[in-house]
Amino acid sequence: GRMPKEDLCGAHTHNALDDAVEQAQMVEGWQKKYGDDSCCLITAEEAYATQD
């Protein structure tokens, strides 16, 4: 049987949260690697923005 719409929405939300956590961890890693280089961080944020 098909999943109810609520379950699909819940799974989608869960995946989006997981992606956000992974993104935050990745940016955190860049901060540790490059320091607080605003240029690098802005580039990372722009890259994520264009992916959506």
PDB file of N, CA and C in Angstrom:
ATOM      1  N   GLY A   1       0.817  -1.209   0.000  1.00  0.00           N
ATOM      2  CA  GLY A   1       0.000   0.000   0.000  1.00  0.00           C
ATOM      3  C   GLY A   1       0.850   1.258   0.000  1.00  0.00           C
ATOM      4  N   ARG A   2       0.216   2.336  -0.352  1.00  0.00           N
ATOM      5  CA  ARG A   2       0.938   3.609  -0.379  1.00  0.00           C
ATOM      6  C   ARG A   2       1.033   4.208   1.018  1.00  0.00           C
ATOM      7  N   MET A   3       2.058   4.992   1.225  1.00  0.00           N
ATOM      8  CA  MET A   3       2.191   5.697   2.499  1.00  0.00           C
ATOM      9  C   MET A   3       1.197   6.853   2.527  1.00  0.00           C
ATOM     10  N   PRO A   4       0.563   7.091   3.671  1.00  0.00           N
ATOM     11  CA  PRO A   4      -0.311   8.269   3.781  1.00  0.00           C
ATOM     12  C   PRO A   4       0.480   9.548   3.532  1.00  0.00           C
ATOM     13  N   LYS A   5      -0.212  10.568   3.088  1.00  0.00           N
ATOM     14  CA  LYS A   5       0.455  11.832   2.780  1.00  0.00           C
ATOM     15  C   LYS A   5       1.207  12.358   4.000  1.00  0.00           C
ATOM     16  N   GLU A   6       0.625  12.177   5.197  1.00  0.00           N
ATOM     17  CA  GLU A   6       1.268  12.665   6.418  1.00  0.00           C
ATOM     18  C   GLU A   6       2.630  12.006   6.606  1.00  0.00           C
ATOM     19  N   ASP A   7       2.711  10.692   6.338  1.00  0.00           N
ATOM     20  CA  ASP A   7       3.972   9.977   6.511  1.00  0.00           C
ATOM     21  C   ASP A   7       5.018  10.486   5.517  1.00  0.00           C
ATOM     22  N   LEU A   8       4.575  10.737   4.285  1.00  0.00           N
ATOM     23  CA  LEU A   8       5.505  11.245   3.283  1.00  0.00           C
ATOM     24  C   LEU A   8       6.033  12.612   3.693  1.00  0.00           C
ATOM     25  N   CYS A   9       5.137  13.464   4.199  1.00  0.00           N
ATOM     26  CA  CYS A   9       5.561  14.789   4.647  1.00  0.00           C
ATOM     27  C   CYS A   9       6.511  14.657   5.830  1.00  0.00           C
ATOM     28  N   GLY A  10       6.207  13.754   6.740  1.00  0.00           N
ATOM     29  CA  GLY A  10       7.063  13.552   7.907  1.00  0.00           C
ATOM     30  C   GLY A  10       8.436  13.076   7.498  1.00  0.00           C
ATOM     31  N   ALA A  11       8.483  12.135   6.554  1.00  0.00           N
ATOM     32  CA  ALA A  11       9.769  11.620   6.083  1.00  0.00           C
ATOM     33  C   ALA A  11      10.550  12.732   5.396  1.00  0.00           C
ATOM     34  N   HIS A  12       9.850  13.554   4.624  1.00  0.00           N
ATOM     35  CA  HIS A  12      10.517  14.657   3.927  1.00  0.00           C
ATOM     36  C   HIS A  12      11.103  15.635   4.941  1.00  0.00           C
ATOM     37  N   THR A  13      10.321  15.956   5.974  1.00  0.00           N
ATOM     38  CA  THR A  13      10.791  16.881   7.007  1.00  0.00           C
ATOM     39  C   THR A  13      12.010  16.295   7.698  1.00  0.00           C
ATOM     40  N   HIS A  14      11.955  14.993   8.007  1.00  0.00           N
ATOM     41  CA  HIS A  14      13.068  14.330   8.689  1.00  0.00           C
ATOM     42  C   HIS A  14      14.326  14.414   7.831  1.00  0.00           C
ATOM     43  N   ASN A  15      14.178  14.156   6.533  1.00  0.00           N
ATOM     44  CA  ASN A  15      15.326  14.216   5.626  1.00  0.00           C
ATOM     45  C   ASN A  15      15.884  15.635   5.560  1.00  0.00           C
ATOM     46  N   ALA A  16      14.990  16.630   5.518  1.00  0.00           N
ATOM     47  CA  ALA A  16      15.436  18.024   5.457  1.00  0.00           C
ATOM     48  C   ALA A  16      16.213  18.377   6.714  1.00  0.00           C
ATOM     49  N   LEU A  17      15.756  17.893   7.865  1.00  0.00           N
ATOM     50  CA  LEU A  17      16.466  18.156   9.118  1.00  0.00           C
ATOM     51  C   LEU A  17      17.826  17.488   9.099  1.00  0.00           C
ATOM     52  N   ASP A  18      17.879  16.252   8.614  1.00  0.00           N
ATOM     53  CA  ASP A  18      19.164  15.548   8.521  1.00  0.00           C
ATOM     54  C   ASP A  18      20.127  16.321   7.624  1.00  0.00           C
ATOM     55  N   ASP A  19      19.620  16.822   6.499  1.00  0.00           N
ATOM     56  CA  ASP A  19      20.464  17.585   5.576  1.00  0.00           C
ATOM     57  C   ASP A  19      20.982  18.845   6.256  1.00  0.00           C
ATOM     58  N   ALA A  20      20.105  19.505   7.027  1.00  0.00           N
ATOM     59  CA  ALA A  20      20.508  20.731   7.718  1.00  0.00           C
ATOM     60  C   ALA A  20      21.606  20.445   8.731  1.00  0.00           C
ATOM     61  N   VAL A  21      21.480  19.303   9.429  1.00  0.00           N
ATOM     62  CA  VAL A  21      22.500  18.929  10.413  1.00  0.00           C
ATOM     63  C   VAL A  21      23.823  18.662   9.714  1.00  0.00           C
ATOM     64  N   GLU A  22      23.773  17.919   8.620  1.00  0.00           N
ATOM     65  CA  GLU A  22      25.001  17.622   7.871  1.00  0.00           C
ATOM     66  C   GLU A  22      25.629  18.912   7.342  1.00  0.00           C
ATOM     67  N   GLN A  23      24.795  19.821   6.858  1.00  0.00           N
ATOM     68  CA  GLN A  23      25.292  21.099   6.338  1.00  0.00           C
ATOM     69  C   GLN A  23      25.975  21.882   7.448  1.00  0.00           C
ATOM     70  N   ALA A  24      25.348  21.917   8.630  1.00  0.00           N
ATOM     71  CA  ALA A  24      25.921  22.652   9.763  1.00  0.00           C
ATOM     72  C   ALA A  24      27.264  22.055  10.164  1.00  0.00           C
ATOM     73  N   GLN A  25      27.343  20.726  10.175  1.00  0.00           N
ATOM     74  CA  GLN A  25      28.591  20.062  10.548  1.00  0.00           C
ATOM     75  C   GLN A  25      29.683  20.352   9.519  1.00  0.00           C
ATOM     76  N   MET A  26      29.291  20.406   8.240  1.00  0.00           N
ATOM     77  CA  MET A  26      30.260  20.652   7.181  1.00  0.00           C
ATOM     78  C   MET A  26      30.815  22.069   7.297  1.00  0.00           C
ATOM     79  N   VAL A  27      29.921  23.046   7.520  1.00  0.00           N
ATOM     80  CA  VAL A  27      30.352  24.439   7.683  1.00  0.00           C
ATOM     81  C   VAL A  27      31.240  24.558   8.912  1.00  0.00           C
ATOM     82  N   GLU A  28      30.882  23.826   9.976  1.00  0.00           N
ATOM     83  CA  GLU A  28      31.689  23.840  11.195  1.00  0.00           C
ATOM     84  C   GLU A  28      33.098  23.336  10.894  1.00  0.00           C
ATOM     85  N   GLY A  29      33.180  22.282  10.090  1.00  0.00           N
ATOM     86  CA  GLY A  29      34.474  21.740   9.706  1.00  0.00           C
ATOM     87  C   GLY A  29      35.287  22.745   8.906  1.00  0.00           C
ATOM     88  N   TRP A  30      34.606  23.481   8.004  1.00  0.00           N
ATOM     89  CA  TRP A  30      35.308  24.499   7.224  1.00  0.00           C
ATOM     90  C   TRP A  30      35.824  25.607   8.130  1.00  0.00           C
ATOM     91  N   GLN A  31      35.021  25.980   9.151  1.00  0.00           N
ATOM     92  CA  GLN A  31      35.453  27.029  10.081  1.00  0.00           C
ATOM     93  C   GLN A  31      36.724  26.598  10.804  1.00  0.00           C
ATOM     94  N   LYS A  32      36.769  25.321  11.216  1.00  0.00           N
ATOM     95  CA  LYS A  32      37.951  24.816  11.913  1.00  0.00           C
ATOM     96  C   LYS A  32      39.153  24.767  10.970  1.00  0.00           C
ATOM     97  N   LYS A  33      38.889  24.398   9.713  1.00  0.00           N
ATOM     98  CA  LYS A  33      39.977  24.223   8.748  1.00  0.00           C
ATOM     99  C   LYS A  33      40.525  25.569   8.272  1.00  0.00           C
ATOM    100  N   TYR A  34      39.624  26.485   7.952  1.00  0.00           N
ATOM    101  CA  TYR A  34      40.041  27.751   7.352  1.00  0.00           C
ATOM    102  C   TYR A  34      39.994  28.916   8.331  1.00  0.00           C
ATOM    103  N   GLY A  35      39.459  28.673   9.543  1.00  0.00           N
ATOM    104  CA  GLY A  35      39.248  29.787  10.460  1.00  0.00           C
ATOM    105  C   GLY A  35      38.002  30.557  10.064  1.00  0.00           C
ATOM    106  N   ASP A  36      37.739  31.657  10.746  1.00  0.00           N
ATOM    107  CA  ASP A  36      36.521  32.423  10.460  1.00  0.00           C
ATOM    108  C   ASP A  36      36.739  33.301   9.234  1.00  0.00           C
ATOM    109  N   ASP A  37      36.901  32.650   8.091  1.00  0.00           N
ATOM    110  CA  ASP A  37      37.093  33.366   6.835  1.00  0.00           C
ATOM    111  C   ASP A  37      35.716  33.596   6.217  1.00  0.00           C
ATOM    112  N   SER A  38      35.231  34.822   6.317  1.00  0.00           N
ATOM    113  CA  SER A  38      33.874  35.116   5.860  1.00  0.00           C
ATOM    114  C   SER A  38      33.721  34.799   4.375  1.00  0.00           C
ATOM    115  N   CYS A  39      34.793  34.950   3.605  1.00  0.00           N
ATOM    116  CA  CYS A  39      34.723  34.677   2.174  1.00  0.00           C
ATOM    117  C   CYS A  39      34.369  33.207   1.936  1.00  0.00           C
ATOM    118  N   CYS A  40      35.039  32.322   2.641  1.00  0.00           N
ATOM    119  CA  CYS A  40      34.783  30.889   2.480  1.00  0.00           C
ATOM    120  C   CYS A  40      33.360  30.551   2.915  1.00  0.00           C
ATOM    121  N   LEU A  41      32.930  31.115   4.052  1.00  0.00           N
ATOM    122  CA  LEU A  41      31.613  30.790   4.584  1.00  0.00           C
ATOM    123  C   LEU A  41      30.518  31.304   3.656  1.00  0.00           C
ATOM    124  N   ILE A  42      30.689  32.512   3.128  1.00  0.00           N
ATOM    125  CA  ILE A  42      29.691  33.057   2.209  1.00  0.00           C
ATOM    126  C   ILE A  42      29.613  32.184   0.963  1.00  0.00           C
ATOM    127  N   THR A  43      30.761  31.752   0.461  1.00  0.00           N
ATOM    128  CA  THR A  43      30.782  30.895  -0.720  1.00  0.00           C
ATOM    129  C   THR A  43      30.041  29.593  -0.438  1.00  0.00           C
ATOM    130  N   ALA A  44      30.244  29.025   0.754  1.00  0.00           N
ATOM    131  CA  ALA A  44      29.581  27.780   1.117  1.00  0.00           C
ATOM    132  C   ALA A  44      28.074  27.984   1.168  1.00  0.00           C
ATOM    133  N   GLU A  45      27.637  29.079   1.785  1.00  0.00           N
ATOM    134  CA  GLU A  45      26.201  29.340   1.892  1.00  0.00           C
ATOM    135  C   GLU A  45      25.595  29.557   0.515  1.00  0.00           C
ATOM    136  N   GLU A  46      26.300  30.271  -0.339  1.00  0.00           N
ATOM    137  CA  GLU A  46      25.796  30.508  -1.692  1.00  0.00           C
ATOM    138  C   GLU A  46      25.703  29.202  -2.466  1.00  0.00           C
ATOM    139  N   ALA A  47      26.676  28.320  -2.257  1.00  0.00           N
ATOM    140  CA  ALA A  47      26.671  27.030  -2.938  1.00  0.00           C
ATOM    141  C   ALA A  47      25.440  26.223  -2.535  1.00  0.00           C
ATOM    142  N   TYR A  48      25.112  26.238  -1.224  1.00  0.00           N
ATOM    143  CA  TYR A  48      23.927  25.511  -0.768  1.00  0.00           C
ATOM    144  C   TYR A  48      22.660  26.156  -1.320  1.00  0.00           C
ATOM    145  N   ALA A  49      22.642  27.475  -1.377  1.00  0.00           N
ATOM    146  CA  ALA A  49      21.452  28.182  -1.857  1.00  0.00           C
ATOM    147  C   ALA A  49      21.166  27.814  -3.309  1.00  0.00           C
ATOM    148  N   THR A  50      22.218  27.698  -4.118  1.00  0.00           N
ATOM    149  CA  THR A  50      22.023  27.392  -5.532  1.00  0.00           C
ATOM    150  C   THR A  50      21.660  25.924  -5.730  1.00  0.00           C
ATOM    151  N   GLN A  51      22.010  25.062  -4.780  1.00  0.00           N
ATOM    152  CA  GLN A  51      21.658  23.642  -4.901  1.00  0.00           C
ATOM    153  C   GLN A  51      20.144  23.448  -4.800  1.00  0.00           C
ATOM    154  N   ASP A  52      19.479  24.256  -3.955  1.00  0.00           N
ATOM    155  CA  ASP A  52      18.027  24.159  -3.812  1.00  0.00           C
ATOM    156  C   ASP A  52      17.358  24.781  -5.027  1.00  0.00           C
TER     157      ASP A  52
END
